C-alpha atoms as a PDB file:
ATOM      1  CA  MET A   1      35.550 -94.186 -67.862  1.00  0.00           C
ATOM      2  CA  THR A   2      34.132 -90.761 -68.683  1.00  0.00           C
ATOM      3  CA  ILE A   3      32.130 -89.780 -71.731  1.00  0.00           C
ATOM      4  CA  LEU A   4      31.501 -86.079 -72.188  1.00  0.00           C
ATOM      5  CA  ASN A   5      27.929 -84.882 -71.949  1.00  0.00           C
ATOM      6  CA  GLU A   6      26.997 -81.492 -73.368  1.00  0.00           C
ATOM      7  CA  GLN A   7      24.523 -80.830 -70.530  1.00  0.00           C
ATOM      8  CA  ASP A   8      27.189 -81.374 -67.854  1.00  0.00           C
ATOM      9  CA  SER A   9      30.090 -79.581 -69.607  1.00  0.00           C
ATOM     10  CA  LEU A  10      31.876 -76.288 -69.171  1.00  0.00           C
ATOM     11  CA  LEU A  11      34.721 -75.224 -71.472  1.00  0.00           C
ATOM     12  CA  LEU A  12      37.703 -73.589 -69.751  1.00  0.00           C
ATOM     13  CA  VAL A  13      40.155 -71.799 -72.064  1.00  0.00           C
ATOM     14  CA  ILE A  14      43.500 -71.061 -70.414  1.00  0.00           C
ATOM     15  CA  ASP A  15      45.603 -68.118 -71.608  1.00  0.00           C
ATOM     16  CA  VAL A  16      45.376 -68.433 -75.415  1.00  0.00           C
ATOM     17  CA  GLN A  17      46.989 -65.013 -75.799  1.00  0.00           C
ATOM     18  CA  GLU A  18      49.019 -63.535 -78.632  1.00  0.00           C
ATOM     19  CA  LYS A  19      52.476 -63.511 -76.986  1.00  0.00           C
ATOM     20  CA  LEU A  20      52.029 -66.917 -75.386  1.00  0.00           C
ATOM     21  CA  LEU A  21      50.650 -68.450 -78.573  1.00  0.00           C
ATOM     22  CA  ASN A  22      53.607 -67.167 -80.602  1.00  0.00           C
ATOM     23  CA  ALA A  23      55.999 -68.906 -78.196  1.00  0.00           C
ATOM     24  CA  VAL A  24      54.542 -72.438 -78.308  1.00  0.00           C
ATOM     25  CA  PHE A  25      55.924 -75.172 -80.551  1.00  0.00           C
ATOM     26  CA  ASN A  26      52.516 -76.009 -82.067  1.00  0.00           C
ATOM     27  CA  LYS A  27      50.977 -72.540 -82.401  1.00  0.00           C
ATOM     28  CA  ASP A  28      49.037 -73.040 -85.652  1.00  0.00           C
ATOM     29  CA  ALA A  29      47.491 -76.357 -84.614  1.00  0.00           C
ATOM     30  CA  LEU A  30      46.721 -75.028 -81.141  1.00  0.00           C
ATOM     31  CA  GLU A  31      44.958 -71.952 -82.534  1.00  0.00           C
ATOM     32  CA  ASN A  32      42.939 -74.040 -85.016  1.00  0.00           C
ATOM     33  CA  LYS A  33      41.823 -76.570 -82.391  1.00  0.00           C
ATOM     34  CA  SER A  34      41.022 -73.752 -79.950  1.00  0.00           C
ATOM     35  CA  ILE A  35      38.787 -72.130 -82.557  1.00  0.00           C
ATOM     36  CA  THR A  36      37.077 -75.475 -83.221  1.00  0.00           C
ATOM     37  CA  MET A  37      36.405 -76.078 -79.527  1.00  0.00           C
ATOM     38  CA  VAL A  38      35.056 -72.581 -78.881  1.00  0.00           C
ATOM     39  CA  LYS A  39      32.822 -72.679 -81.969  1.00  0.00           C
ATOM     40  CA  ALA A  40      31.478 -76.085 -80.944  1.00  0.00           C
ATOM     41  CA  ALA A  41      30.772 -74.926 -77.402  1.00  0.00           C
ATOM     42  CA  LYS A  42      28.892 -71.913 -78.759  1.00  0.00           C
ATOM     43  CA  ILE A  43      26.824 -74.116 -81.109  1.00  0.00           C
ATOM     44  CA  LEU A  44      25.988 -76.515 -78.272  1.00  0.00           C
ATOM     45  CA  ASN A  45      25.348 -73.767 -75.689  1.00  0.00           C
ATOM     46  CA  ILE A  46      28.125 -75.033 -73.438  1.00  0.00           C
ATOM     47  CA  PRO A  47      29.291 -72.297 -71.043  1.00  0.00           C
ATOM     48  CA  ILE A  48      32.773 -70.920 -71.717  1.00  0.00           C
ATOM     49  CA  VAL A  49      35.228 -69.396 -69.250  1.00  0.00           C
ATOM     50  CA  VAL A  50      38.351 -67.737 -70.667  1.00  0.00           C
ATOM     51  CA  THR A  51      41.402 -66.703 -68.653  1.00  0.00           C
ATOM     52  CA  GLU A  52      44.220 -64.319 -69.507  1.00  0.00           C
ATOM     53  CA  GLN A  53      47.555 -64.494 -67.716  1.00  0.00           C
ATOM     54  CA  TYR A  54      48.753 -60.951 -66.969  1.00  0.00           C
ATOM     55  CA  PRO A  55      47.246 -59.398 -70.127  1.00  0.00           C
ATOM     56  CA  LYS A  56      49.069 -56.082 -69.594  1.00  0.00           C
ATOM     57  CA  GLY A  57      52.324 -57.856 -70.383  1.00  0.00           C
ATOM     58  CA  LEU A  58      51.204 -60.838 -72.474  1.00  0.00           C
ATOM     59  CA  GLY A  59      48.369 -59.294 -74.450  1.00  0.00           C
ATOM     60  CA  ALA A  60      44.717 -60.173 -74.762  1.00  0.00           C
ATOM     61  CA  THR A  61      43.129 -63.423 -75.896  1.00  0.00           C
ATOM     62  CA  LYS A  62      43.958 -64.184 -79.533  1.00  0.00           C
ATOM     63  CA  GLN A  63      41.755 -62.074 -81.813  1.00  0.00           C
ATOM     64  CA  SER A  64      40.462 -65.109 -83.722  1.00  0.00           C
ATOM     65  CA  LEU A  65      38.905 -66.394 -80.471  1.00  0.00           C
ATOM     66  CA  GLN A  66      37.639 -62.964 -79.454  1.00  0.00           C
ATOM     67  CA  ASP A  67      35.809 -62.737 -82.771  1.00  0.00           C
ATOM     68  CA  ILE A  68      33.959 -65.991 -82.044  1.00  0.00           C
ATOM     69  CA  LEU A  69      33.201 -65.103 -78.420  1.00  0.00           C
ATOM     70  CA  GLY A  70      31.741 -61.767 -79.446  1.00  0.00           C
ATOM     71  CA  ASP A  71      31.353 -58.352 -77.916  1.00  0.00           C
ATOM     72  CA  GLY A  72      30.650 -58.202 -74.224  1.00  0.00           C
ATOM     73  CA  PHE A  73      32.248 -61.560 -73.429  1.00  0.00           C
ATOM     74  CA  LYS A  74      33.908 -61.482 -69.991  1.00  0.00           C
ATOM     75  CA  TYR A  75      37.577 -62.481 -69.811  1.00  0.00           C
ATOM     76  CA  PHE A  76      39.115 -63.322 -66.458  1.00  0.00           C
ATOM     77  CA  GLU A  77      42.523 -61.820 -65.718  1.00  0.00           C
ATOM     78  CA  LYS A  78      44.842 -63.841 -63.532  1.00  0.00           C
ATOM     79  CA  THR A  79      48.406 -63.819 -62.250  1.00  0.00           C
ATOM     80  CA  SER A  80      48.469 -67.186 -60.459  1.00  0.00           C
ATOM     81  CA  PHE A  81      49.331 -70.181 -62.598  1.00  0.00           C
ATOM     82  CA  SER A  82      46.235 -72.037 -61.420  1.00  0.00           C
ATOM     83  CA  ALA A  83      43.088 -70.296 -62.619  1.00  0.00           C
ATOM     84  CA  MET A  84      41.324 -71.648 -59.534  1.00  0.00           C
ATOM     85  CA  ASP A  85      43.425 -69.333 -57.324  1.00  0.00           C
ATOM     86  CA  ASN A  86      41.362 -66.454 -58.760  1.00  0.00           C
ATOM     87  CA  SER A  87      38.122 -66.338 -56.772  1.00  0.00           C
ATOM     88  CA  SER A  88      36.162 -64.797 -59.691  1.00  0.00           C
ATOM     89  CA  ILE A  89      37.134 -67.678 -61.982  1.00  0.00           C
ATOM     90  CA  SER A  90      36.466 -70.314 -59.335  1.00  0.00           C
ATOM     91  CA  GLU A  91      33.100 -68.710 -58.544  1.00  0.00           C
ATOM     92  CA  SER A  92      32.127 -68.570 -62.217  1.00  0.00           C
ATOM     93  CA  ILE A  93      32.904 -72.275 -62.651  1.00  0.00           C
ATOM     94  CA  ASN A  94      31.049 -73.181 -59.430  1.00  0.00           C
ATOM     95  CA  LYS A  95      27.973 -71.143 -60.385  1.00  0.00           C
ATOM     96  CA  SER A  96      27.700 -72.966 -63.712  1.00  0.00           C
ATOM     97  CA  ASN A  97      26.664 -76.129 -61.822  1.00  0.00           C
ATOM     98  CA  LYS A  98      28.561 -78.249 -64.367  1.00  0.00           C
ATOM     99  CA  LYS A  99      30.362 -81.427 -63.314  1.00  0.00           C
ATOM    100  CA  GLN A 100      32.645 -81.799 -66.332  1.00  0.00           C
ATOM    101  CA  VAL A 101      35.319 -79.208 -67.048  1.00  0.00           C
ATOM    102  CA  ILE A 102      36.887 -79.490 -70.485  1.00  0.00           C
ATOM    103  CA  ILE A 103      40.116 -77.523 -70.474  1.00  0.00           C
ATOM    104  CA  PHE A 104      42.809 -76.483 -72.933  1.00  0.00           C
ATOM    105  CA  GLY A 105      45.332 -73.711 -73.447  1.00  0.00           C
ATOM    106  CA  ILE A 106      48.833 -72.494 -72.735  1.00  0.00           C
ATOM    107  CA  GLU A 107      51.139 -73.724 -71.223  1.00  0.00           C
ATOM    108  CA  THR A 108      50.326 -77.394 -70.778  1.00  0.00           C
ATOM    109  CA  HIS A 109      52.902 -78.029 -68.066  1.00  0.00           C
ATOM    110  CA  ILE A 110      52.246 -74.862 -66.041  1.00  0.00           C
ATOM    111  CA  CYS A 111      48.873 -73.082 -66.087  1.00  0.00           C
ATOM    112  CA  VAL A 112      46.854 -75.912 -67.599  1.00  0.00           C
ATOM    113  CA  SER A 113      48.408 -78.542 -65.315  1.00  0.00           C
ATOM    114  CA  GLN A 114      48.051 -76.506 -62.117  1.00  0.00           C
ATOM    115  CA  THR A 115      44.448 -75.555 -62.960  1.00  0.00           C
ATOM    116  CA  VAL A 116      43.602 -79.198 -63.690  1.00  0.00           C
ATOM    117  CA  ASN A 117      45.021 -80.263 -60.328  1.00  0.00           C
ATOM    118  CA  ALA A 118      42.980 -77.634 -58.480  1.00  0.00           C
ATOM    119  CA  LEU A 119      39.800 -78.660 -60.334  1.00  0.00           C
ATOM    120  CA  LEU A 120      40.413 -82.323 -59.502  1.00  0.00           C
ATOM    121  CA  GLN A 121      40.889 -81.446 -55.835  1.00  0.00           C
ATOM    122  CA  LYS A 122      37.487 -79.699 -55.903  1.00  0.00           C
ATOM    123  CA  GLY A 123      35.859 -82.861 -57.274  1.00  0.00           C
ATOM    124  CA  TYR A 124      35.349 -81.916 -60.917  1.00  0.00           C
ATOM    125  CA  ASP A 125      35.577 -84.471 -63.712  1.00  0.00           C
ATOM    126  CA  VAL A 126      38.359 -82.908 -65.800  1.00  0.00           C
ATOM    127  CA  THR A 127      39.165 -83.593 -69.448  1.00  0.00           C
ATOM    128  CA  VAL A 128      42.121 -82.001 -71.235  1.00  0.00           C
ATOM    129  CA  ILE A 129      42.065 -81.407 -74.997  1.00  0.00           C
ATOM    130  CA  ALA A 130      45.643 -82.398 -75.834  1.00  0.00           C
ATOM    131  CA  ASP A 131      45.727 -81.006 -79.379  1.00  0.00           C
ATOM    132  CA  ALA A 132      44.486 -77.610 -78.150  1.00  0.00           C
ATOM    133  CA  CYS A 133      47.242 -77.348 -75.526  1.00  0.00           C
ATOM    134  CA  GLY A 134      50.823 -76.268 -75.988  1.00  0.00           C
ATOM    135  CA  SER A 135      54.087 -75.329 -74.353  1.00  0.00           C
ATOM    136  CA  ARG A 136      57.250 -73.662 -75.538  1.00  0.00           C
ATOM    137  CA  SER A 137      58.818 -77.071 -76.080  1.00  0.00           C
ATOM    138  CA  GLU A 138      57.230 -80.327 -77.155  1.00  0.00           C
ATOM    139  CA  LEU A 139      58.976 -82.127 -74.277  1.00  0.00           C
ATOM    140  CA  GLU A 140      57.340 -79.834 -71.701  1.00  0.00           C
ATOM    141  CA  HIS A 141      53.951 -80.363 -73.394  1.00  0.00           C
ATOM    142  CA  ILE A 142      54.311 -84.164 -73.302  1.00  0.00           C
ATOM    143  CA  ALA A 143      55.566 -84.113 -69.695  1.00  0.00           C
ATOM    144  CA  GLY A 144      52.672 -81.833 -68.736  1.00  0.00           C
ATOM    145  CA  LEU A 145      50.104 -84.187 -70.291  1.00  0.00           C
ATOM    146  CA  SER A 146      51.695 -87.128 -68.512  1.00  0.00           C
ATOM    147  CA  ARG A 147      51.579 -85.293 -65.181  1.00  0.00           C
ATOM    148  CA  ILE A 148      47.940 -84.306 -65.769  1.00  0.00           C
ATOM    149  CA  GLU A 149      46.958 -87.888 -66.559  1.00  0.00           C
ATOM    150  CA  ASP A 150      48.880 -89.235 -63.548  1.00  0.00           C
ATOM    151  CA  ASN A 151      46.882 -86.864 -61.353  1.00  0.00           C
ATOM    152  CA  GLY A 152      43.573 -88.243 -62.626  1.00  0.00           C
ATOM    153  CA  ALA A 153      42.370 -86.112 -65.534  1.00  0.00           C
ATOM    154  CA  HIS A 154      41.343 -87.531 -68.901  1.00  0.00           C
ATOM    155  CA  ILE A 155      43.358 -86.712 -72.029  1.00  0.00           C
ATOM    156  CA  ILE A 156      41.528 -86.623 -75.377  1.00  0.00           C
ATOM    157  CA  THR A 157      41.550 -84.701 -78.658  1.00  0.00           C
ATOM    158  CA  ALA A 158      39.207 -82.015 -79.916  1.00  0.00           C
ATOM    159  CA  GLU A 159      37.519 -84.400 -82.331  1.00  0.00           C
ATOM    160  CA  ILE A 160      36.859 -86.965 -79.613  1.00  0.00           C
ATOM    161  CA  ALA A 161      35.239 -84.227 -77.493  1.00  0.00           C
ATOM    162  CA  LEU A 162      33.007 -83.056 -80.331  1.00  0.00           C
ATOM    163  CA  PHE A 163      31.650 -86.502 -81.100  1.00  0.00           C
ATOM    164  CA  GLU A 164      31.193 -87.400 -77.424  1.00  0.00           C
ATOM    165  CA  TRP A 165      29.115 -84.244 -77.033  1.00  0.00           C
ATOM    166  CA  LEU A 166      27.000 -85.183 -80.060  1.00  0.00           C
ATOM    167  CA  LYS A 167      26.511 -88.885 -79.214  1.00  0.00           C
ATOM    168  CA  THR A 168      24.724 -89.507 -82.551  1.00  0.00           C
ATOM    169  CA  SER A 169      24.550 -88.293 -86.144  1.00  0.00           C
ATOM    170  CA  LYS A 170      20.885 -87.563 -85.396  1.00  0.00           C
ATOM    171  CA  HIS A 171      21.871 -84.719 -83.030  1.00  0.00           C
ATOM    172  CA  GLU A 172      20.264 -81.466 -84.183  1.00  0.00           C
ATOM    173  CA  ASN A 173      23.702 -79.805 -84.447  1.00  0.00           C
ATOM    174  CA  PHE A 174      25.530 -82.715 -86.086  1.00  0.00           C
ATOM    175  CA  LYS A 175      26.073 -80.973 -89.442  1.00  0.00           C
ATOM    176  CA  ALA A 176      27.234 -77.740 -87.841  1.00  0.00           C
ATOM    177  CA  ILE A 177      29.766 -79.598 -85.666  1.00  0.00           C
ATOM    178  CA  GLN A 178      30.866 -81.885 -88.498  1.00  0.00           C
ATOM    179  CA  ASN A 179      31.582 -78.793 -90.625  1.00  0.00           C
ATOM    180  CA  LEU A 180      34.063 -77.605 -87.995  1.00  0.00           C
ATOM    181  CA  ILE A 181      36.394 -80.529 -88.731  1.00  0.00           C
ATOM    182  CA  LYS A 182      36.100 -80.749 -92.517  1.00  0.00           C
END
């Protein structure tokens, strides 16, 4: 059993880009949960790594996330489905010295799944935020989550992650995090 710990966590956002987001079955929910997760990570000072799959063709990270991440944030371009095939991304994750990688994005059954598998092979404790992931079809999303779980990652929701990070209502950022889900 794994409980998330804010001190051990890194948030990995996979390809939440305009063209990809517009193609997924759950685009509004995915964008909202992505915003919640990124805001929470910023509040809790959890490092964030964001990938973009071939941004020349698929566009940049969704503007709503860029606004939260702020000017000067570094986005990692990739062309491989697994983010870990990009040495800059892999290096950034390794240098963070975090054991838990919390991951979400597009598409569940391709880039998220292949990145999860690579992270698991490198010994990371991987948790997927199911309601912040999506695919073009709901069936592919469900099959992707099943595959991810079969391979050893944990599947939870954004709200579960937030409250595992907090541990208690006495946490100094409890109100700020609670306001993200109201």
